[in-house]
Amino acid sequence: MAETLKATKREKTGKIANRKLRLEGKIPAVLYGDGKDVINLALCAEQFSAVVRHGAKNITLEGDVSESVVMREVQWDTFGTEVLHVDFYRPGN
């Protein structure tokens, strides 16, 4: 079963922009694969932590991007308590 996350596109990238995003309670993410363009995203941190607790790998993104994706990599802080970045992959048909 696929979990659902609300994703919004983000224009700014880089260390400073990502820190500001995290202070707002969001997580920077990227969506790539299947020969399409890479899309930079922002996710709600609370929603994403619920998805991680459920152990979901297949996720449906809604909002600015509406696709079924696979969670490829999650980057955690040094202590393993805060998610720093998420990579999503578009599975090929």
PDB file of N, CA and C in Angstrom:
ATOM      1  N   MET A   1       0.834  -1.175   0.000  1.00  0.00           N
ATOM      2  CA  MET A   1       0.000   0.000   0.000  1.00  0.00           C
ATOM      3  C   MET A   1       0.880   1.241   0.000  1.00  0.00           C
ATOM      4  N   ALA A   2       0.552   2.208  -0.820  1.00  0.00           N
ATOM      5  CA  ALA A   2       1.346   3.430  -0.930  1.00  0.00           C
ATOM      6  C   ALA A   2       0.803   4.503   0.014  1.00  0.00           C
ATOM      7  N   GLU A   3       1.703   5.149   0.708  1.00  0.00           N
ATOM      8  CA  GLU A   3       1.364   6.285   1.551  1.00  0.00           C
ATOM      9  C   GLU A   3       1.291   7.524   0.671  1.00  0.00           C
ATOM     10  N   THR A   4       0.639   8.572   1.153  1.00  0.00           N
ATOM     11  CA  THR A   4       0.496   9.803   0.379  1.00  0.00           C
ATOM     12  C   THR A   4       1.169  10.956   1.110  1.00  0.00           C
ATOM     13  N   LEU A   5       1.962  11.731   0.371  1.00  0.00           N
ATOM     14  CA  LEU A   5       2.635  12.910   0.906  1.00  0.00           C
ATOM     15  C   LEU A   5       2.305  14.113   0.047  1.00  0.00           C
ATOM     16  N   LYS A   6       2.152  15.272   0.671  1.00  0.00           N
ATOM     17  CA  LYS A   6       1.976  16.503  -0.079  1.00  0.00           C
ATOM     18  C   LYS A   6       3.352  17.072  -0.383  1.00  0.00           C
ATOM     19  N   ALA A   7       3.616  17.331  -1.650  1.00  0.00           N
ATOM     20  CA  ALA A   7       4.912  17.849  -2.082  1.00  0.00           C
ATOM     21  C   ALA A   7       4.720  19.159  -2.832  1.00  0.00           C
ATOM     22  N   THR A   8       5.571  20.137  -2.519  1.00  0.00           N
ATOM     23  CA  THR A   8       5.559  21.402  -3.235  1.00  0.00           C
ATOM     24  C   THR A   8       6.911  21.603  -3.901  1.00  0.00           C
ATOM     25  N   LYS A   9       6.910  22.234  -5.061  1.00  0.00           N
ATOM     26  CA  LYS A   9       8.170  22.512  -5.741  1.00  0.00           C
ATOM     27  C   LYS A   9       8.896  23.624  -4.994  1.00  0.00           C
ATOM     28  N   ARG A  10      10.226  23.546  -5.014  1.00  0.00           N
ATOM     29  CA  ARG A  10      11.023  24.620  -4.422  1.00  0.00           C
ATOM     30  C   ARG A  10      11.969  25.167  -5.471  1.00  0.00           C
ATOM     31  N   GLU A  11      12.103  26.466  -5.471  1.00  0.00           N
ATOM     32  CA  GLU A  11      12.935  27.145  -6.455  1.00  0.00           C
ATOM     33  C   GLU A  11      14.377  27.273  -5.980  1.00  0.00           C
ATOM     34  N   LYS A  12      14.548  27.581  -4.701  1.00  0.00           N
ATOM     35  CA  LYS A  12      15.891  27.808  -4.162  1.00  0.00           C
ATOM     36  C   LYS A  12      16.505  26.499  -3.694  1.00  0.00           C
ATOM     37  N   THR A  13      17.793  26.336  -3.972  1.00  0.00           N
ATOM     38  CA  THR A  13      18.531  25.168  -3.510  1.00  0.00           C
ATOM     39  C   THR A  13      19.791  25.644  -2.814  1.00  0.00           C
ATOM     40  N   GLY A  14      20.482  24.728  -2.179  1.00  0.00           N
ATOM     41  CA  GLY A  14      21.723  25.076  -1.501  1.00  0.00           C
ATOM     42  C   GLY A  14      21.579  25.017   0.007  1.00  0.00           C
ATOM     43  N   LYS A  15      22.707  25.149   0.684  1.00  0.00           N
ATOM     44  CA  LYS A  15      22.764  24.981   2.127  1.00  0.00           C
ATOM     45  C   LYS A  15      21.883  25.983   2.890  1.00  0.00           C
ATOM     46  N   ILE A  16      21.978  27.253   2.550  1.00  0.00           N
ATOM     47  CA  ILE A  16      21.229  28.275   3.285  1.00  0.00           C
ATOM     48  C   ILE A  16      19.727  28.118   3.052  1.00  0.00           C
ATOM     49  N   ALA A  17      19.325  27.903   1.816  1.00  0.00           N
ATOM     50  CA  ALA A  17      17.901  27.727   1.501  1.00  0.00           C
ATOM     51  C   ALA A  17      17.342  26.491   2.196  1.00  0.00           C
ATOM     52  N   ASN A  18      18.119  25.410   2.255  1.00  0.00           N
ATOM     53  CA  ASN A  18      17.655  24.182   2.903  1.00  0.00           C
ATOM     54  C   ASN A  18      17.549  24.350   4.415  1.00  0.00           C
ATOM     55  N   ARG A  19      18.453  25.100   5.009  1.00  0.00           N
ATOM     56  CA  ARG A  19      18.362  25.361   6.452  1.00  0.00           C
ATOM     57  C   ARG A  19      17.104  26.148   6.782  1.00  0.00           C
ATOM     58  N   LYS A  20      16.794  27.160   5.969  1.00  0.00           N
ATOM     59  CA  LYS A  20      15.575  27.944   6.179  1.00  0.00           C
ATOM     60  C   LYS A  20      14.342  27.068   6.017  1.00  0.00           C
ATOM     61  N   LEU A  21      14.384  26.172   5.051  1.00  0.00           N
ATOM     62  CA  LEU A  21      13.271  25.256   4.815  1.00  0.00           C
ATOM     63  C   LEU A  21      13.040  24.362   6.034  1.00  0.00           C
ATOM     64  N   ARG A  22      14.123  23.835   6.600  1.00  0.00           N
ATOM     65  CA  ARG A  22      13.999  22.968   7.775  1.00  0.00           C
ATOM     66  C   ARG A  22      13.458  23.730   8.982  1.00  0.00           C
ATOM     67  N   LEU A  23      13.828  25.008   9.123  1.00  0.00           N
ATOM     68  CA  LEU A  23      13.310  25.827  10.216  1.00  0.00           C
ATOM     69  C   LEU A  23      11.802  26.042  10.088  1.00  0.00           C
ATOM     70  N   GLU A  24      11.284  25.966   8.879  1.00  0.00           N
ATOM     71  CA  GLU A  24       9.841  26.094   8.630  1.00  0.00           C
ATOM     72  C   GLU A  24       9.102  24.774   8.843  1.00  0.00           C
ATOM     73  N   GLY A  25       9.819  23.714   9.215  1.00  0.00           N
ATOM     74  CA  GLY A  25       9.192  22.417   9.438  1.00  0.00           C
ATOM     75  C   GLY A  25       9.035  21.597   8.176  1.00  0.00           C
ATOM     76  N   LYS A  26       9.881  21.882   7.190  1.00  0.00           N
ATOM     77  CA  LYS A  26       9.819  21.138   5.931  1.00  0.00           C
ATOM     78  C   LYS A  26      11.148  20.439   5.678  1.00  0.00           C
ATOM     79  N   ILE A  27      11.110  19.471   4.781  1.00  0.00           N
ATOM     80  CA  ILE A  27      12.294  18.688   4.438  1.00  0.00           C
ATOM     81  C   ILE A  27      12.568  18.871   2.944  1.00  0.00           C
ATOM     82  N   PRO A  28      13.807  19.204   2.575  1.00  0.00           N
ATOM     83  CA  PRO A  28      14.139  19.265   1.155  1.00  0.00           C
ATOM     84  C   PRO A  28      14.204  17.853   0.563  1.00  0.00           C
ATOM     85  N   ALA A  29      13.754  17.736  -0.668  1.00  0.00           N
ATOM     86  CA  ALA A  29      13.753  16.433  -1.339  1.00  0.00           C
ATOM     87  C   ALA A  29      14.016  16.642  -2.815  1.00  0.00           C
ATOM     88  N   VAL A  30      14.326  15.545  -3.498  1.00  0.00           N
ATOM     89  CA  VAL A  30      14.556  15.583  -4.935  1.00  0.00           C
ATOM     90  C   VAL A  30      13.869  14.372  -5.563  1.00  0.00           C
ATOM     91  N   LEU A  31      13.327  14.570  -6.767  1.00  0.00           N
ATOM     92  CA  LEU A  31      12.670  13.508  -7.515  1.00  0.00           C
ATOM     93  C   LEU A  31      13.380  13.367  -8.857  1.00  0.00           C
ATOM     94  N   TYR A  32      13.820  12.149  -9.161  1.00  0.00           N
ATOM     95  CA  TYR A  32      14.549  11.918 -10.411  1.00  0.00           C
ATOM     96  C   TYR A  32      14.216  10.540 -10.954  1.00  0.00           C
ATOM     97  N   GLY A  33      14.686  10.267 -12.189  1.00  0.00           N
ATOM     98  CA  GLY A  33      14.527   8.945 -12.779  1.00  0.00           C
ATOM     99  C   GLY A  33      13.627   8.927 -13.998  1.00  0.00           C
ATOM    100  N   ASP A  34      13.611   7.808 -14.671  1.00  0.00           N
ATOM    101  CA  ASP A  34      12.781   7.524 -15.840  1.00  0.00           C
ATOM    102  C   ASP A  34      13.038   8.497 -16.991  1.00  0.00           C
ATOM    103  N   GLY A  35      14.249   9.053 -17.067  1.00  0.00           N
ATOM    104  CA  GLY A  35      14.619   9.935 -18.165  1.00  0.00           C
ATOM    105  C   GLY A  35      13.964  11.302 -18.149  1.00  0.00           C
ATOM    106  N   LYS A  36      13.299  11.667 -17.056  1.00  0.00           N
ATOM    107  CA  LYS A  36      12.636  12.970 -16.952  1.00  0.00           C
ATOM    108  C   LYS A  36      13.524  13.930 -16.167  1.00  0.00           C
ATOM    109  N   ASP A  37      13.136  15.203 -16.195  1.00  0.00           N
ATOM    110  CA  ASP A  37      13.895  16.224 -15.481  1.00  0.00           C
ATOM    111  C   ASP A  37      13.842  16.001 -13.975  1.00  0.00           C
ATOM    112  N   VAL A  38      14.885  16.448 -13.292  1.00  0.00           N
ATOM    113  CA  VAL A  38      14.956  16.397 -11.832  1.00  0.00           C
ATOM    114  C   VAL A  38      14.089  17.524 -11.279  1.00  0.00           C
ATOM    115  N   ILE A  39      13.320  17.220 -10.231  1.00  0.00           N
ATOM    116  CA  ILE A  39      12.454  18.212  -9.601  1.00  0.00           C
ATOM    117  C   ILE A  39      12.845  18.335  -8.136  1.00  0.00           C
ATOM    118  N   ASN A  40      13.095  19.559  -7.689  1.00  0.00           N
ATOM    119  CA  ASN A  40      13.386  19.823  -6.281  1.00  0.00           C
ATOM    120  C   ASN A  40      12.073  20.044  -5.549  1.00  0.00           C
ATOM    121  N   LEU A  41      11.909  19.372  -4.410  1.00  0.00           N
ATOM    122  CA  LEU A  41      10.656  19.389  -3.668  1.00  0.00           C
ATOM    123  C   LEU A  41      10.860  19.795  -2.221  1.00  0.00           C
ATOM    124  N   ALA A  42       9.757  20.152  -1.573  1.00  0.00           N
ATOM    125  CA  ALA A  42       9.718  20.372  -0.133  1.00  0.00           C
ATOM    126  C   ALA A  42       8.572  19.540   0.425  1.00  0.00           C
ATOM    127  N   LEU A  43       8.839  18.834   1.529  1.00  0.00           N
ATOM    128  CA  LEU A  43       7.843  17.964   2.160  1.00  0.00           C
ATOM    129  C   LEU A  43       7.577  18.427   3.580  1.00  0.00           C
ATOM    130  N   CYS A  44       6.386  18.177   4.082  1.00  0.00           N
ATOM    131  CA  CYS A  44       6.065  18.456   5.477  1.00  0.00           C
ATOM    132  C   CYS A  44       6.794  17.427   6.342  1.00  0.00           C
ATOM    133  N   ALA A  45       7.571  17.898   7.318  1.00  0.00           N
ATOM    134  CA  ALA A  45       8.374  17.004   8.154  1.00  0.00           C
ATOM    135  C   ALA A  45       7.500  16.055   8.978  1.00  0.00           C
ATOM    136  N   GLU A  46       6.376  16.544   9.486  1.00  0.00           N
ATOM    137  CA  GLU A  46       5.497  15.695  10.297  1.00  0.00           C
ATOM    138  C   GLU A  46       4.885  14.573   9.466  1.00  0.00           C
ATOM    139  N   GLN A  47       4.428  14.901   8.267  1.00  0.00           N
ATOM    140  CA  GLN A  47       3.861  13.878   7.380  1.00  0.00           C
ATOM    141  C   GLN A  47       4.906  12.836   7.029  1.00  0.00           C
ATOM    142  N   PHE A  48       6.106  13.296   6.715  1.00  0.00           N
ATOM    143  CA  PHE A  48       7.154  12.371   6.304  1.00  0.00           C
ATOM    144  C   PHE A  48       7.561  11.452   7.452  1.00  0.00           C
ATOM    145  N   SER A  49       7.637  11.978   8.671  1.00  0.00           N
ATOM    146  CA  SER A  49       8.014  11.115   9.799  1.00  0.00           C
ATOM    147  C   SER A  49       6.960  10.030  10.033  1.00  0.00           C
ATOM    148  N   ALA A  50       5.694  10.338   9.783  1.00  0.00           N
ATOM    149  CA  ALA A  50       4.646   9.324   9.905  1.00  0.00           C
ATOM    150  C   ALA A  50       4.829   8.225   8.858  1.00  0.00           C
ATOM    151  N   VAL A  51       5.212   8.611   7.639  1.00  0.00           N
ATOM    152  CA  VAL A  51       5.453   7.633   6.581  1.00  0.00           C
ATOM    153  C   VAL A  51       6.637   6.738   6.934  1.00  0.00           C
ATOM    154  N   VAL A  52       7.682   7.321   7.478  1.00  0.00           N
ATOM    155  CA  VAL A  52       8.864   6.544   7.866  1.00  0.00           C
ATOM    156  C   VAL A  52       8.511   5.567   8.992  1.00  0.00           C
ATOM    157  N   ARG A  53       7.703   6.008   9.958  1.00  0.00           N
ATOM    158  CA  ARG A  53       7.291   5.118  11.054  1.00  0.00           C
ATOM    159  C   ARG A  53       6.507   3.921  10.539  1.00  0.00           C
ATOM    160  N   HIS A  54       5.713   4.116   9.478  1.00  0.00           N
ATOM    161  CA  HIS A  54       4.941   3.014   8.905  1.00  0.00           C
ATOM    162  C   HIS A  54       5.790   2.112   8.021  1.00  0.00           C
ATOM    163  N   GLY A  55       7.011   2.539   7.722  1.00  0.00           N
ATOM    164  CA  GLY A  55       7.916   1.709   6.932  1.00  0.00           C
ATOM    165  C   GLY A  55       7.579   1.666   5.449  1.00  0.00           C
ATOM    166  N   ALA A  56       6.904   2.681   4.940  1.00  0.00           N
ATOM    167  CA  ALA A  56       6.503   2.697   3.537  1.00  0.00           C
ATOM    168  C   ALA A  56       7.683   2.997   2.632  1.00  0.00           C
ATOM    169  N   LYS A  57       7.745   2.313   1.506  1.00  0.00           N
ATOM    170  CA  LYS A  57       8.757   2.579   0.480  1.00  0.00           C
ATOM    171  C   LYS A  57       8.101   3.171  -0.767  1.00  0.00           C
ATOM    172  N   ASN A  58       6.907   2.699  -1.089  1.00  0.00           N
ATOM    173  CA  ASN A  58       6.169   3.225  -2.241  1.00  0.00           C
ATOM    174  C   ASN A  58       5.292   4.367  -1.761  1.00  0.00           C
ATOM    175  N   ILE A  59       5.470   5.530  -2.375  1.00  0.00           N
ATOM    176  CA  ILE A  59       4.790   6.736  -1.924  1.00  0.00           C
ATOM    177  C   ILE A  59       4.127   7.415  -3.113  1.00  0.00           C
ATOM    178  N   THR A  60       2.966   8.001  -2.868  1.00  0.00           N
ATOM    179  CA  THR A  60       2.287   8.801  -3.867  1.00  0.00           C
ATOM    180  C   THR A  60       2.442  10.261  -3.473  1.00  0.00           C
ATOM    181  N   LEU A  61       3.002  11.058  -4.374  1.00  0.00           N
ATOM    182  CA  LEU A  61       3.161  12.484  -4.128  1.00  0.00           C
ATOM    183  C   LEU A  61       1.958  13.220  -4.684  1.00  0.00           C
ATOM    184  N   GLU A  62       1.457  14.185  -3.925  1.00  0.00           N
ATOM    185  CA  GLU A  62       0.346  15.024  -4.355  1.00  0.00           C
ATOM    186  C   GLU A  62       0.750  16.472  -4.188  1.00  0.00           C
ATOM    187  N   GLY A  63       0.041  17.363  -4.855  1.00  0.00           N
ATOM    188  CA  GLY A  63       0.346  18.787  -4.776  1.00  0.00           C
ATOM    189  C   GLY A  63       0.905  19.252  -6.100  1.00  0.00           C
ATOM    190  N   ASP A  64       2.055  19.952  -6.057  1.00  0.00           N
ATOM    191  CA  ASP A  64       2.673  20.445  -7.294  1.00  0.00           C
ATOM    192  C   ASP A  64       3.117  19.295  -8.195  1.00  0.00           C
ATOM    193  N   VAL A  65       3.430  18.154  -7.599  1.00  0.00           N
ATOM    194  CA  VAL A  65       3.848  16.968  -8.343  1.00  0.00           C
ATOM    195  C   VAL A  65       2.922  15.826  -7.949  1.00  0.00           C
ATOM    196  N   SER A  66       2.325  15.169  -8.911  1.00  0.00           N
ATOM    197  CA  SER A  66       1.433  14.039  -8.625  1.00  0.00           C
ATOM    198  C   SER A  66       1.977  12.806  -9.337  1.00  0.00           C
ATOM    199  N   GLU A  67       2.725  11.988  -8.596  1.00  0.00           N
ATOM    200  CA  GLU A  67       3.332  10.783  -9.157  1.00  0.00           C
ATOM    201  C   GLU A  67       3.461   9.715  -8.087  1.00  0.00           C
ATOM    202  N   SER A  68       3.558   8.474  -8.529  1.00  0.00           N
ATOM    203  CA  SER A  68       3.903   7.371  -7.639  1.00  0.00           C
ATOM    204  C   SER A  68       5.411   7.190  -7.707  1.00  0.00           C
ATOM    205  N   VAL A  69       6.048   7.189  -6.551  1.00  0.00           N
ATOM    206  CA  VAL A  69       7.505   7.141  -6.498  1.00  0.00           C
ATOM    207  C   VAL A  69       7.965   6.117  -5.465  1.00  0.00           C
ATOM    208  N   VAL A  70       9.268   5.845  -5.494  1.00  0.00           N
ATOM    209  CA  VAL A  70       9.893   4.956  -4.522  1.00  0.00           C
ATOM    210  C   VAL A  70      10.888   5.787  -3.713  1.00  0.00           C
ATOM    211  N   MET A  71      10.853   5.635  -2.390  1.00  0.00           N
ATOM    212  CA  MET A  71      11.810   6.331  -1.545  1.00  0.00           C
ATOM    213  C   MET A  71      13.167   5.659  -1.720  1.00  0.00           C
ATOM    214  N   ARG A  72      14.140   6.385  -2.242  1.00  0.00           N
ATOM    215  CA  ARG A  72      15.437   5.814  -2.575  1.00  0.00           C
ATOM    216  C   ARG A  72      16.443   5.964  -1.448  1.00  0.00           C
ATOM    217  N   GLU A  73      16.529   7.169  -0.871  1.00  0.00           N
ATOM    218  CA  GLU A  73      17.513   7.411   0.183  1.00  0.00           C
ATOM    219  C   GLU A  73      16.995   8.486   1.129  1.00  0.00           C
ATOM    220  N   VAL A  74      17.262   8.289   2.413  1.00  0.00           N
ATOM    221  CA  VAL A  74      16.934   9.277   3.432  1.00  0.00           C
ATOM    222  C   VAL A  74      18.228   9.628   4.149  1.00  0.00           C
ATOM    223  N   GLN A  75      18.547  10.919   4.192  1.00  0.00           N
ATOM    224  CA  GLN A  75      19.755  11.373   4.884  1.00  0.00           C
ATOM    225  C   GLN A  75      19.357  11.927   6.243  1.00  0.00           C
ATOM    226  N   TRP A  76      20.002  11.406   7.305  1.00  0.00           N
ATOM    227  CA  TRP A  76      19.707  11.790   8.681  1.00  0.00           C
ATOM    228  C   TRP A  76      20.832  12.651   9.238  1.00  0.00           C
ATOM    229  N   ASP A  77      20.526  13.399  10.307  1.00  0.00           N
ATOM    230  CA  ASP A  77      21.569  14.152  10.986  1.00  0.00           C
ATOM    231  C   ASP A  77      22.484  13.187  11.730  1.00  0.00           C
ATOM    232  N   THR A  78      23.515  13.703  12.356  1.00  0.00           N
ATOM    233  CA  THR A  78      24.528  12.876  13.026  1.00  0.00           C
ATOM    234  C   THR A  78      23.932  11.948  14.075  1.00  0.00           C
ATOM    235  N   PHE A  79      22.917  12.412  14.774  1.00  0.00           N
ATOM    236  CA  PHE A  79      22.335  11.627  15.860  1.00  0.00           C
ATOM    237  C   PHE A  79      21.186  10.731  15.407  1.00  0.00           C
ATOM    238  N   GLY A  80      20.810  10.819  14.158  1.00  0.00           N
ATOM    239  CA  GLY A  80      19.748   9.974  13.619  1.00  0.00           C
ATOM    240  C   GLY A  80      18.366  10.360  14.085  1.00  0.00           C
ATOM    241  N   THR A  81      18.183  11.630  14.448  1.00  0.00           N
ATOM    242  CA  THR A  81      16.877  12.060  14.943  1.00  0.00           C
ATOM    243  C   THR A  81      16.113  12.947  13.969  1.00  0.00           C
ATOM    244  N   GLU A  82      16.827  13.653  13.086  1.00  0.00           N
ATOM    245  CA  GLU A  82      16.191  14.585  12.165  1.00  0.00           C
ATOM    246  C   GLU A  82      16.548  14.223  10.726  1.00  0.00           C
ATOM    247  N   VAL A  83      15.535  14.220   9.866  1.00  0.00           N
ATOM    248  CA  VAL A  83      15.762  13.945   8.448  1.00  0.00           C
ATOM    249  C   VAL A  83      16.280  15.219   7.794  1.00  0.00           C
ATOM    250  N   LEU A  84      17.389  15.101   7.062  1.00  0.00           N
ATOM    251  CA  LEU A  84      17.991  16.248   6.395  1.00  0.00           C
ATOM    252  C   LEU A  84      17.569  16.366   4.930  1.00  0.00           C
ATOM    253  N   HIS A  85      17.407  15.222   4.255  1.00  0.00           N
ATOM    254  CA  HIS A  85      17.109  15.238   2.820  1.00  0.00           C
ATOM    255  C   HIS A  85      16.555  13.886   2.400  1.00  0.00           C
ATOM    256  N   VAL A  86      15.703  13.893   1.372  1.00  0.00           N
ATOM    257  CA  VAL A  86      15.100  12.660   0.873  1.00  0.00           C
ATOM    258  C   VAL A  86      15.254  12.603  -0.647  1.00  0.00           C
ATOM    259  N   ASP A  87      15.606  11.431  -1.164  1.00  0.00           N
ATOM    260  CA  ASP A  87      15.665  11.188  -2.602  1.00  0.00           C
ATOM    261  C   ASP A  87      14.522  10.260  -2.991  1.00  0.00           C
ATOM    262  N   PHE A  88      13.739  10.681  -3.981  1.00  0.00           N
ATOM    263  CA  PHE A  88      12.671   9.848  -4.533  1.00  0.00           C
ATOM    264  C   PHE A  88      13.048   9.472  -5.955  1.00  0.00           C
ATOM    265  N   TYR A  89      12.633   8.275  -6.361  1.00  0.00           N
ATOM    266  CA  TYR A  89      12.947   7.751  -7.681  1.00  0.00           C
ATOM    267  C   TYR A  89      11.658   7.394  -8.415  1.00  0.00           C
ATOM    268  N   ARG A  90      11.582   7.795  -9.687  1.00  0.00           N
ATOM    269  CA  ARG A  90      10.452   7.406 -10.530  1.00  0.00           C
ATOM    270  C   ARG A  90      10.751   6.036 -11.119  1.00  0.00           C
ATOM    271  N   PRO A  91       9.983   5.026 -10.801  1.00  0.00           N
ATOM    272  CA  PRO A  91      10.241   3.722 -11.426  1.00  0.00           C
ATOM    273  C   PRO A  91       9.859   3.764 -12.908  1.00  0.00           C
ATOM    274  N   GLY A  92      10.679   3.141 -13.729  1.00  0.00           N
ATOM    275  CA  GLY A  92      10.409   3.092 -15.167  1.00  0.00           C
ATOM    276  C   GLY A  92       9.269   2.146 -15.489  1.00  0.00           C
ATOM    277  N   ASN A  93       8.617   2.389 -16.593  1.00  0.00           N
ATOM    278  CA  ASN A  93       7.499   1.512 -17.002  1.00  0.00           C
ATOM    279  C   ASN A  93       7.980   0.344 -17.811  1.00  0.00           C
TER     280      ASN A  93
END
